[in-house]
Amino acid sequence: MGIAFMSPKHQNCNQRVGKGRVCRTVEGVVQKVITPHFDDEPEKVEIALHEADHLYREVRLENTMTDEQGQHVALKRGAHVDVTLEAEEADTVKKSNDPKSRP
């Protein structure tokens, strides 16, 4: 997964994760708030990730977050979000700048 441009806000995600972990942050927008069909199902949000391939752009997640005071909150339609992907450094491989030598 390569990135051609990273804003200053996203360049420092490695400063927020622990040693031995790697990360990448991408921007997205909440396209839909999906109400459950049954009472025992959670409300969900559909988030469009701008840098993803067209057919894989949408991600659906439970619409529950926690604010600084520990209160549960939910995202609104149109909210701009940052999605951070984290992994153990041991679960990654070094990438070459030569496209012919990809693993």
PDB file of N, CA and C in Angstrom:
ATOM      1  N   MET A   1       0.856  -1.163   0.000  1.00  0.00           N
ATOM      2  CA  MET A   1       0.000   0.000   0.000  1.00  0.00           C
ATOM      3  C   MET A   1       0.905   1.229   0.000  1.00  0.00           C
ATOM      4  N   GLY A   2       0.981   1.971  -1.082  1.00  0.00           N
ATOM      5  CA  GLY A   2       1.817   3.149  -1.153  1.00  0.00           C
ATOM      6  C   GLY A   2       1.015   4.414  -0.969  1.00  0.00           C
ATOM      7  N   ILE A   3       1.731   5.476  -0.709  1.00  0.00           N
ATOM      8  CA  ILE A   3       1.071   6.765  -0.580  1.00  0.00           C
ATOM      9  C   ILE A   3       1.919   7.808  -1.285  1.00  0.00           C
ATOM     10  N   ALA A   4       1.294   8.600  -2.118  1.00  0.00           N
ATOM     11  CA  ALA A   4       2.022   9.616  -2.865  1.00  0.00           C
ATOM     12  C   ALA A   4       2.116  10.917  -2.077  1.00  0.00           C
ATOM     13  N   PHE A   5       1.152  11.187  -1.211  1.00  0.00           N
ATOM     14  CA  PHE A   5       1.105  12.453  -0.491  1.00  0.00           C
ATOM     15  C   PHE A   5       0.626  12.199   0.919  1.00  0.00           C
ATOM     16  N   MET A   6       1.316  12.779   1.878  1.00  0.00           N
ATOM     17  CA  MET A   6       0.861  12.705   3.267  1.00  0.00           C
ATOM     18  C   MET A   6       0.874  14.106   3.837  1.00  0.00           C
ATOM     19  N   SER A   7      -0.249  14.526   4.377  1.00  0.00           N
ATOM     20  CA  SER A   7      -0.304  15.852   4.984  1.00  0.00           C
ATOM     21  C   SER A   7       0.501  15.838   6.271  1.00  0.00           C
ATOM     22  N   PRO A   8       0.949  17.000   6.764  1.00  0.00           N
ATOM     23  CA  PRO A   8       1.711  17.047   8.016  1.00  0.00           C
ATOM     24  C   PRO A   8       0.956  16.396   9.174  1.00  0.00           C
ATOM     25  N   LYS A   9      -0.355  16.477   9.161  1.00  0.00           N
ATOM     26  CA  LYS A   9      -1.158  15.867  10.219  1.00  0.00           C
ATOM     27  C   LYS A   9      -0.942  14.357  10.249  1.00  0.00           C
ATOM     28  N   HIS A  10      -0.747  13.731   9.097  1.00  0.00           N
ATOM     29  CA  HIS A  10      -0.635  12.281   9.020  1.00  0.00           C
ATOM     30  C   HIS A  10       0.803  11.790   9.089  1.00  0.00           C
ATOM     31  N   GLN A  11       1.785  12.648   8.924  1.00  0.00           N
ATOM     32  CA  GLN A  11       3.168  12.213   8.952  1.00  0.00           C
ATOM     33  C   GLN A  11       3.604  11.754  10.334  1.00  0.00           C
ATOM     34  N   ASN A  12       2.920  12.176  11.379  1.00  0.00           N
ATOM     35  CA  ASN A  12       3.345  11.875  12.730  1.00  0.00           C
ATOM     36  C   ASN A  12       2.591  10.730  13.378  1.00  0.00           C
ATOM     37  N   CYS A  13       1.882   9.890  12.623  1.00  0.00           N
ATOM     38  CA  CYS A  13       1.133   8.809  13.269  1.00  0.00           C
ATOM     39  C   CYS A  13       2.087   7.846  13.959  1.00  0.00           C
ATOM     40  N   ASN A  14       3.335   7.688  13.486  1.00  0.00           N
ATOM     41  CA  ASN A  14       4.291   6.808  14.158  1.00  0.00           C
ATOM     42  C   ASN A  14       4.690   7.333  15.522  1.00  0.00           C
ATOM     43  N   GLN A  15       4.528   8.628  15.779  1.00  0.00           N
ATOM     44  CA  GLN A  15       4.824   9.180  17.095  1.00  0.00           C
ATOM     45  C   GLN A  15       3.750   8.800  18.107  1.00  0.00           C
ATOM     46  N   ARG A  16       2.554   8.425  17.641  1.00  0.00           N
ATOM     47  CA  ARG A  16       1.459   8.074  18.539  1.00  0.00           C
ATOM     48  C   ARG A  16       1.392   6.580  18.839  1.00  0.00           C
ATOM     49  N   VAL A  17       2.029   5.745  18.030  1.00  0.00           N
ATOM     50  CA  VAL A  17       1.972   4.296  18.246  1.00  0.00           C
ATOM     51  C   VAL A  17       3.231   3.843  18.965  1.00  0.00           C
ATOM     52  N   GLY A  18       3.177   2.663  19.549  1.00  0.00           N
ATOM     53  CA  GLY A  18       4.303   2.155  20.304  1.00  0.00           C
ATOM     54  C   GLY A  18       5.465   1.727  19.426  1.00  0.00           C
ATOM     55  N   LYS A  19       6.615   1.551  20.072  1.00  0.00           N
ATOM     56  CA  LYS A  19       7.813   1.082  19.380  1.00  0.00           C
ATOM     57  C   LYS A  19       7.543  -0.297  18.802  1.00  0.00           C
ATOM     58  N   GLY A  20       8.040  -0.530  17.596  1.00  0.00           N
ATOM     59  CA  GLY A  20       7.836  -1.815  16.956  1.00  0.00           C
ATOM     60  C   GLY A  20       6.527  -1.915  16.192  1.00  0.00           C
ATOM     61  N   ARG A  21       5.823  -0.785  16.065  1.00  0.00           N
ATOM     62  CA  ARG A  21       4.555  -0.764  15.324  1.00  0.00           C
ATOM     63  C   ARG A  21       4.680   0.253  14.193  1.00  0.00           C
ATOM     64  N   VAL A  22       3.969   0.008  13.121  1.00  0.00           N
ATOM     65  CA  VAL A  22       3.927   0.934  11.992  1.00  0.00           C
ATOM     66  C   VAL A  22       2.488   1.375  11.797  1.00  0.00           C
ATOM     67  N   CYS A  23       2.298   2.525  11.140  1.00  0.00           N
ATOM     68  CA  CYS A  23       0.934   3.009  10.952  1.00  0.00           C
ATOM     69  C   CYS A  23       0.829   3.856   9.695  1.00  0.00           C
ATOM     70  N   ARG A  24      -0.399   4.036   9.302  1.00  0.00           N
ATOM     71  CA  ARG A  24      -0.731   4.905   8.175  1.00  0.00           C
ATOM     72  C   ARG A  24      -2.141   5.431   8.416  1.00  0.00           C
ATOM     73  N   THR A  25      -2.356   6.702   8.157  1.00  0.00           N
ATOM     74  CA  THR A  25      -3.661   7.318   8.352  1.00  0.00           C
ATOM     75  C   THR A  25      -4.197   7.788   7.005  1.00  0.00           C
ATOM     76  N   VAL A  26      -5.465   7.467   6.729  1.00  0.00           N
ATOM     77  CA  VAL A  26      -6.127   7.912   5.504  1.00  0.00           C
ATOM     78  C   VAL A  26      -7.389   8.674   5.884  1.00  0.00           C
ATOM     79  N   GLU A  27      -7.796   9.567   5.011  1.00  0.00           N
ATOM     80  CA  GLU A  27      -8.983  10.372   5.260  1.00  0.00           C
ATOM     81  C   GLU A  27     -10.221   9.698   4.682  1.00  0.00           C
ATOM     82  N   GLY A  28     -11.348   9.949   5.330  1.00  0.00           N
ATOM     83  CA  GLY A  28     -12.607   9.409   4.860  1.00  0.00           C
ATOM     84  C   GLY A  28     -13.759  10.323   5.229  1.00  0.00           C
ATOM     85  N   VAL A  29     -14.940   9.989   4.720  1.00  0.00           N
ATOM     86  CA  VAL A  29     -16.154  10.751   5.004  1.00  0.00           C
ATOM     87  C   VAL A  29     -17.281   9.767   5.293  1.00  0.00           C
ATOM     88  N   VAL A  30     -18.075  10.067   6.323  1.00  0.00           N
ATOM     89  CA  VAL A  30     -19.231   9.239   6.630  1.00  0.00           C
ATOM     90  C   VAL A  30     -20.285   9.509   5.562  1.00  0.00           C
ATOM     91  N   GLN A  31     -20.598   8.483   4.759  1.00  0.00           N
ATOM     92  CA  GLN A  31     -21.592   8.634   3.699  1.00  0.00           C
ATOM     93  C   GLN A  31     -22.992   8.294   4.181  1.00  0.00           C
ATOM     94  N   LYS A  32     -23.115   7.313   5.060  1.00  0.00           N
ATOM     95  CA  LYS A  32     -24.433   6.866   5.512  1.00  0.00           C
ATOM     96  C   LYS A  32     -24.391   6.538   6.991  1.00  0.00           C
ATOM     97  N   VAL A  33     -25.486   6.804   7.679  1.00  0.00           N
ATOM     98  CA  VAL A  33     -25.738   6.262   9.009  1.00  0.00           C
ATOM     99  C   VAL A  33     -26.828   5.225   8.809  1.00  0.00           C
ATOM    100  N   ILE A  34     -26.538   3.990   9.155  1.00  0.00           N
ATOM    101  CA  ILE A  34     -27.432   2.870   8.858  1.00  0.00           C
ATOM    102  C   ILE A  34     -28.141   2.441  10.139  1.00  0.00           C
ATOM    103  N   THR A  35     -29.444   2.657  10.169  1.00  0.00           N
ATOM    104  CA  THR A  35     -30.230   2.245  11.330  1.00  0.00           C
ATOM    105  C   THR A  35     -30.468   0.740  11.267  1.00  0.00           C
ATOM    106  N   PRO A  36     -30.435   0.084  12.423  1.00  0.00           N
ATOM    107  CA  PRO A  36     -30.596  -1.377  12.430  1.00  0.00           C
ATOM    108  C   PRO A  36     -32.028  -1.788  12.123  1.00  0.00           C
ATOM    109  N   HIS A  37     -32.161  -2.976  11.552  1.00  0.00           N
ATOM    110  CA  HIS A  37     -33.483  -3.535  11.262  1.00  0.00           C
ATOM    111  C   HIS A  37     -34.107  -4.161  12.502  1.00  0.00           C
ATOM    112  N   PHE A  38     -33.251  -4.601  13.443  1.00  0.00           N
ATOM    113  CA  PHE A  38     -33.720  -5.256  14.661  1.00  0.00           C
ATOM    114  C   PHE A  38     -33.130  -4.548  15.867  1.00  0.00           C
ATOM    115  N   ASP A  39     -33.832  -4.602  16.999  1.00  0.00           N
ATOM    116  CA  ASP A  39     -33.405  -3.898  18.203  1.00  0.00           C
ATOM    117  C   ASP A  39     -32.066  -4.365  18.744  1.00  0.00           C
ATOM    118  N   ASP A  40     -31.699  -5.618  18.523  1.00  0.00           N
ATOM    119  CA  ASP A  40     -30.453  -6.140  19.079  1.00  0.00           C
ATOM    120  C   ASP A  40     -29.239  -5.876  18.184  1.00  0.00           C
ATOM    121  N   GLU A  41     -29.426  -5.192  17.058  1.00  0.00           N
ATOM    122  CA  GLU A  41     -28.320  -4.856  16.163  1.00  0.00           C
ATOM    123  C   GLU A  41     -27.874  -3.414  16.418  1.00  0.00           C
ATOM    124  N   PRO A  42     -26.581  -3.137  16.303  1.00  0.00           N
ATOM    125  CA  PRO A  42     -26.096  -1.773  16.516  1.00  0.00           C
ATOM    126  C   PRO A  42     -26.276  -0.899  15.269  1.00  0.00           C
ATOM    127  N   GLU A  43     -26.351   0.411  15.480  1.00  0.00           N
ATOM    128  CA  GLU A  43     -26.332   1.354  14.366  1.00  0.00           C
ATOM    129  C   GLU A  43     -24.934   1.300  13.746  1.00  0.00           C
ATOM    130  N   LYS A  44     -24.861   1.472  12.437  1.00  0.00           N
ATOM    131  CA  LYS A  44     -23.572   1.421  11.733  1.00  0.00           C
ATOM    132  C   LYS A  44     -23.377   2.676  10.908  1.00  0.00           C
ATOM    133  N   VAL A  45     -22.113   2.942  10.554  1.00  0.00           N
ATOM    134  CA  VAL A  45     -21.795   4.029   9.628  1.00  0.00           C
ATOM    135  C   VAL A  45     -21.050   3.437   8.450  1.00  0.00           C
ATOM    136  N   GLU A  46     -21.286   4.019   7.283  1.00  0.00           N
ATOM    137  CA  GLU A  46     -20.538   3.649   6.091  1.00  0.00           C
ATOM    138  C   GLU A  46     -19.568   4.780   5.821  1.00  0.00           C
ATOM    139  N   ILE A  47     -18.276   4.455   5.827  1.00  0.00           N
ATOM    140  CA  ILE A  47     -17.214   5.446   5.639  1.00  0.00           C
ATOM    141  C   ILE A  47     -16.555   5.199   4.293  1.00  0.00           C
ATOM    142  N   ALA A  48     -16.459   6.243   3.482  1.00  0.00           N
ATOM    143  CA  ALA A  48     -15.758   6.156   2.201  1.00  0.00           C
ATOM    144  C   ALA A  48     -14.314   6.603   2.411  1.00  0.00           C
ATOM    145  N   LEU A  49     -13.368   5.736   2.057  1.00  0.00           N
ATOM    146  CA  LEU A  49     -11.945   6.045   2.161  1.00  0.00           C
ATOM    147  C   LEU A  49     -11.465   6.544   0.806  1.00  0.00           C
ATOM    148  N   HIS A  50     -11.036   7.782   0.747  1.00  0.00           N
ATOM    149  CA  HIS A  50     -10.702   8.431  -0.523  1.00  0.00           C
ATOM    150  C   HIS A  50      -9.573   7.753  -1.288  1.00  0.00           C
ATOM    151  N   GLU A  51      -8.590   7.186  -0.583  1.00  0.00           N
ATOM    152  CA  GLU A  51      -7.426   6.615  -1.263  1.00  0.00           C
ATOM    153  C   GLU A  51      -7.609   5.154  -1.665  1.00  0.00           C
ATOM    154  N   ALA A  52      -8.725   4.543  -1.283  1.00  0.00           N
ATOM    155  CA  ALA A  52      -8.949   3.132  -1.601  1.00  0.00           C
ATOM    156  C   ALA A  52      -9.388   2.974  -3.055  1.00  0.00           C
ATOM    157  N   ASP A  53      -9.198   1.760  -3.587  1.00  0.00           N
ATOM    158  CA  ASP A  53      -9.696   1.452  -4.930  1.00  0.00           C
ATOM    159  C   ASP A  53     -11.204   1.608  -4.957  1.00  0.00           C
ATOM    160  N   HIS A  54     -11.737   1.965  -6.108  1.00  0.00           N
ATOM    161  CA  HIS A  54     -13.157   2.281  -6.247  1.00  0.00           C
ATOM    162  C   HIS A  54     -14.080   1.194  -5.681  1.00  0.00           C
ATOM    163  N   LEU A  55     -13.843  -0.060  -6.006  1.00  0.00           N
ATOM    164  CA  LEU A  55     -14.731  -1.138  -5.563  1.00  0.00           C
ATOM    165  C   LEU A  55     -14.590  -1.486  -4.087  1.00  0.00           C
ATOM    166  N   TYR A  56     -13.550  -0.958  -3.426  1.00  0.00           N
ATOM    167  CA  TYR A  56     -13.282  -1.300  -2.026  1.00  0.00           C
ATOM    168  C   TYR A  56     -13.296  -0.062  -1.127  1.00  0.00           C
ATOM    169  N   ARG A  57     -13.902   0.988  -1.574  1.00  0.00           N
ATOM    170  CA  ARG A  57     -13.836   2.279  -0.909  1.00  0.00           C
ATOM    171  C   ARG A  57     -14.643   2.345   0.386  1.00  0.00           C
ATOM    172  N   GLU A  58     -15.770   1.644   0.481  1.00  0.00           N
ATOM    173  CA  GLU A  58     -16.638   1.777   1.645  1.00  0.00           C
ATOM    174  C   GLU A  58     -16.326   0.739   2.717  1.00  0.00           C
ATOM    175  N   VAL A  59     -16.354   1.204   3.961  1.00  0.00           N
ATOM    176  CA  VAL A  59     -16.172   0.361   5.131  1.00  0.00           C
ATOM    177  C   VAL A  59     -17.356   0.615   6.048  1.00  0.00           C
ATOM    178  N   ARG A  60     -17.953  -0.448   6.580  1.00  0.00           N
ATOM    179  CA  ARG A  60     -19.065  -0.284   7.527  1.00  0.00           C
ATOM    180  C   ARG A  60     -18.628  -0.744   8.908  1.00  0.00           C
ATOM    181  N   LEU A  61     -18.844   0.139   9.888  1.00  0.00           N
ATOM    182  CA  LEU A  61     -18.451  -0.116  11.269  1.00  0.00           C
ATOM    183  C   LEU A  61     -19.575   0.270  12.212  1.00  0.00           C
ATOM    184  N   GLU A  62     -19.552  -0.288  13.416  1.00  0.00           N
ATOM    185  CA  GLU A  62     -20.505   0.121  14.444  1.00  0.00           C
ATOM    186  C   GLU A  62     -20.289   1.602  14.751  1.00  0.00           C
ATOM    187  N   ASN A  63     -21.366   2.342  14.879  1.00  0.00           N
ATOM    188  CA  ASN A  63     -21.294   3.797  15.071  1.00  0.00           C
ATOM    189  C   ASN A  63     -21.250   4.145  16.561  1.00  0.00           C
ATOM    190  N   THR A  64     -20.183   3.731  17.214  1.00  0.00           N
ATOM    191  CA  THR A  64     -19.979   4.056  18.619  1.00  0.00           C
ATOM    192  C   THR A  64     -18.537   4.487  18.815  1.00  0.00           C
ATOM    193  N   MET A  65     -18.356   5.665  19.384  1.00  0.00           N
ATOM    194  CA  MET A  65     -17.038   6.184  19.719  1.00  0.00           C
ATOM    195  C   MET A  65     -17.108   6.693  21.154  1.00  0.00           C
ATOM    196  N   THR A  66     -15.943   7.018  21.725  1.00  0.00           N
ATOM    197  CA  THR A  66     -15.895   7.539  23.081  1.00  0.00           C
ATOM    198  C   THR A  66     -15.179   8.882  23.053  1.00  0.00           C
ATOM    199  N   ASP A  67     -15.797   9.921  23.673  1.00  0.00           N
ATOM    200  CA  ASP A  67     -15.159  11.238  23.706  1.00  0.00           C
ATOM    201  C   ASP A  67     -14.174  11.327  24.877  1.00  0.00           C
ATOM    202  N   GLU A  68     -13.555  12.506  25.050  1.00  0.00           N
ATOM    203  CA  GLU A  68     -12.539  12.690  26.080  1.00  0.00           C
ATOM    204  C   GLU A  68     -13.068  12.500  27.495  1.00  0.00           C
ATOM    205  N   GLN A  69     -14.368  12.700  27.702  1.00  0.00           N
ATOM    206  CA  GLN A  69     -14.971  12.526  29.024  1.00  0.00           C
ATOM    207  C   GLN A  69     -15.474  11.102  29.251  1.00  0.00           C
ATOM    208  N   GLY A  70     -15.274  10.206  28.290  1.00  0.00           N
ATOM    209  CA  GLY A  70     -15.711   8.830  28.428  1.00  0.00           C
ATOM    210  C   GLY A  70     -17.155   8.592  28.009  1.00  0.00           C
ATOM    211  N   GLN A  71     -17.803   9.607  27.435  1.00  0.00           N
ATOM    212  CA  GLN A  71     -19.192   9.480  26.987  1.00  0.00           C
ATOM    213  C   GLN A  71     -19.234   8.834  25.600  1.00  0.00           C
ATOM    214  N   HIS A  72     -20.243   7.988  25.385  1.00  0.00           N
ATOM    215  CA  HIS A  72     -20.421   7.382  24.063  1.00  0.00           C
ATOM    216  C   HIS A  72     -21.028   8.423  23.122  1.00  0.00           C
ATOM    217  N   VAL A  73     -20.468   8.523  21.928  1.00  0.00           N
ATOM    218  CA  VAL A  73     -20.950   9.441  20.897  1.00  0.00           C
ATOM    219  C   VAL A  73     -21.042   8.687  19.582  1.00  0.00           C
ATOM    220  N   ALA A  74     -21.756   9.278  18.613  1.00  0.00           N
ATOM    221  CA  ALA A  74     -21.928   8.664  17.296  1.00  0.00           C
ATOM    222  C   ALA A  74     -21.580   9.688  16.220  1.00  0.00           C
ATOM    223  N   LEU A  75     -21.096   9.197  15.096  1.00  0.00           N
ATOM    224  CA  LEU A  75     -20.765  10.072  13.972  1.00  0.00           C
ATOM    225  C   LEU A  75     -22.019  10.475  13.214  1.00  0.00           C
ATOM    226  N   LYS A  76     -21.975  11.681  12.620  1.00  0.00           N
ATOM    227  CA  LYS A  76     -23.069  12.176  11.786  1.00  0.00           C
ATOM    228  C   LYS A  76     -22.704  11.995  10.320  1.00  0.00           C
ATOM    229  N   ARG A  77     -23.713  11.926   9.480  1.00  0.00           N
ATOM    230  CA  ARG A  77     -23.504  11.863   8.034  1.00  0.00           C
ATOM    231  C   ARG A  77     -22.718  13.094   7.600  1.00  0.00           C
ATOM    232  N   GLY A  78     -21.726  12.898   6.752  1.00  0.00           N
ATOM    233  CA  GLY A  78     -20.901  13.992   6.259  1.00  0.00           C
ATOM    234  C   GLY A  78     -19.680  14.288   7.120  1.00  0.00           C
ATOM    235  N   ALA A  79     -19.542  13.602   8.262  1.00  0.00           N
ATOM    236  CA  ALA A  79     -18.388  13.830   9.137  1.00  0.00           C
ATOM    237  C   ALA A  79     -17.101  13.410   8.429  1.00  0.00           C
ATOM    238  N   HIS A  80     -16.075  14.228   8.560  1.00  0.00           N
ATOM    239  CA  HIS A  80     -14.751  13.908   8.033  1.00  0.00           C
ATOM    240  C   HIS A  80     -13.999  13.159   9.125  1.00  0.00           C
ATOM    241  N   VAL A  81     -13.442  12.003   8.765  1.00  0.00           N
ATOM    242  CA  VAL A  81     -12.764  11.160   9.742  1.00  0.00           C
ATOM    243  C   VAL A  81     -11.372  10.791   9.245  1.00  0.00           C
ATOM    244  N   ASP A  82     -10.501  10.473  10.185  1.00  0.00           N
ATOM    245  CA  ASP A  82      -9.190   9.910   9.897  1.00  0.00           C
ATOM    246  C   ASP A  82      -9.214   8.458  10.346  1.00  0.00           C
ATOM    247  N   VAL A  83      -8.820   7.554   9.464  1.00  0.00           N
ATOM    248  CA  VAL A  83      -8.775   6.133   9.780  1.00  0.00           C
ATOM    249  C   VAL A  83      -7.310   5.734   9.826  1.00  0.00           C
ATOM    250  N   THR A  84      -6.868   5.258  10.989  1.00  0.00           N
ATOM    251  CA  THR A  84      -5.474   4.871  11.162  1.00  0.00           C
ATOM    252  C   THR A  84      -5.361   3.361  11.186  1.00  0.00           C
ATOM    253  N   LEU A  85      -4.477   2.848  10.330  1.00  0.00           N
ATOM    254  CA  LEU A  85      -4.181   1.421  10.268  1.00  0.00           C
ATOM    255  C   LEU A  85      -2.874   1.198  11.018  1.00  0.00           C
ATOM    256  N   GLU A  86      -2.847   0.232  11.933  1.00  0.00           N
ATOM    257  CA  GLU A  86      -1.642  -0.085  12.704  1.00  0.00           C
ATOM    258  C   GLU A  86      -1.308  -1.553  12.546  1.00  0.00           C
ATOM    259  N   ALA A  87      -0.024  -1.858  12.566  1.00  0.00           N
ATOM    260  CA  ALA A  87       0.417  -3.252  12.492  1.00  0.00           C
ATOM    261  C   ALA A  87       1.735  -3.399  13.237  1.00  0.00           C
ATOM    262  N   GLU A  88       2.014  -4.630  13.652  1.00  0.00           N
ATOM    263  CA  GLU A  88       3.321  -4.929  14.223  1.00  0.00           C
ATOM    264  C   GLU A  88       4.350  -4.829  13.105  1.00  0.00           C
ATOM    265  N   GLU A  89       5.489  -4.243  13.399  1.00  0.00           N
ATOM    266  CA  GLU A  89       6.535  -4.117  12.386  1.00  0.00           C
ATOM    267  C   GLU A  89       6.965  -5.484  11.863  1.00  0.00           C
ATOM    268  N   ALA A  90       6.880  -6.510  12.698  1.00  0.00           N
ATOM    269  CA  ALA A  90       7.241  -7.873  12.289  1.00  0.00           C
ATOM    270  C   ALA A  90       6.297  -8.418  11.224  1.00  0.00           C
ATOM    271  N   ASP A  91       5.120  -7.835  11.097  1.00  0.00           N
ATOM    272  CA  ASP A  91       4.142  -8.289  10.102  1.00  0.00           C
ATOM    273  C   ASP A  91       4.249  -7.509   8.798  1.00  0.00           C
ATOM    274  N   THR A  92       5.353  -6.816   8.577  1.00  0.00           N
ATOM    275  CA  THR A  92       5.551  -6.031   7.362  1.00  0.00           C
ATOM    276  C   THR A  92       6.810  -6.492   6.637  1.00  0.00           C
ATOM    277  N   VAL A  93       6.930  -6.080   5.377  1.00  0.00           N
ATOM    278  CA  VAL A  93       8.138  -6.338   4.596  1.00  0.00           C
ATOM    279  C   VAL A  93       8.632  -5.007   4.045  1.00  0.00           C
ATOM    280  N   LYS A  94       9.921  -4.905   3.858  1.00  0.00           N
ATOM    281  CA  LYS A  94      10.511  -3.700   3.272  1.00  0.00           C
ATOM    282  C   LYS A  94      10.122  -3.627   1.806  1.00  0.00           C
ATOM    283  N   LYS A  95       9.776  -2.423   1.343  1.00  0.00           N
ATOM    284  CA  LYS A  95       9.408  -2.231  -0.064  1.00  0.00           C
ATOM    285  C   LYS A  95      10.590  -1.632  -0.805  1.00  0.00           C
ATOM    286  N   SER A  96      10.778  -2.106  -2.005  1.00  0.00           N
ATOM    287  CA  SER A  96      11.825  -1.576  -2.875  1.00  0.00           C
ATOM    288  C   SER A  96      11.215  -0.451  -3.712  1.00  0.00           C
ATOM    289  N   ASN A  97      12.022   0.499  -4.093  1.00  0.00           N
ATOM    290  CA  ASN A  97      11.545   1.565  -4.989  1.00  0.00           C
ATOM    291  C   ASN A  97      11.427   1.073  -6.429  1.00  0.00           C
ATOM    292  N   ASP A  98      11.994  -0.116  -6.707  1.00  0.00           N
ATOM    293  CA  ASP A  98      11.934  -0.702  -8.047  1.00  0.00           C
ATOM    294  C   ASP A  98      10.648  -1.529  -8.164  1.00  0.00           C
ATOM    295  N   PRO A  99       9.662  -1.097  -8.996  1.00  0.00           N
ATOM    296  CA  PRO A  99       8.391  -1.824  -9.096  1.00  0.00           C
ATOM    297  C   PRO A  99       8.549  -3.263  -9.597  1.00  0.00           C
ATOM    298  N   LYS A 100       9.673  -3.598 -10.246  1.00  0.00           N
ATOM    299  CA  LYS A 100       9.880  -4.951 -10.772  1.00  0.00           C
ATOM    300  C   LYS A 100      10.238  -5.937  -9.660  1.00  0.00           C
ATOM    301  N   SER A 101      10.672  -5.451  -8.512  1.00  0.00           N
ATOM    302  CA  SER A 101      11.148  -6.350  -7.460  1.00  0.00           C
ATOM    303  C   SER A 101      10.150  -6.466  -6.308  1.00  0.00           C
ATOM    304  N   ARG A 102       8.870  -6.411  -6.601  1.00  0.00           N
ATOM    305  CA  ARG A 102       7.858  -6.540  -5.541  1.00  0.00           C
ATOM    306  C   ARG A 102       7.780  -7.978  -5.074  1.00  0.00           C
ATOM    307  N   PRO A 103       7.528  -8.175  -3.754  1.00  0.00           N
ATOM    308  CA  PRO A 103       7.451  -9.554  -3.215  1.00  0.00           C
ATOM    309  C   PRO A 103       6.204 -10.284  -3.687  1.00  0.00           C
TER     310      PRO A 103
END
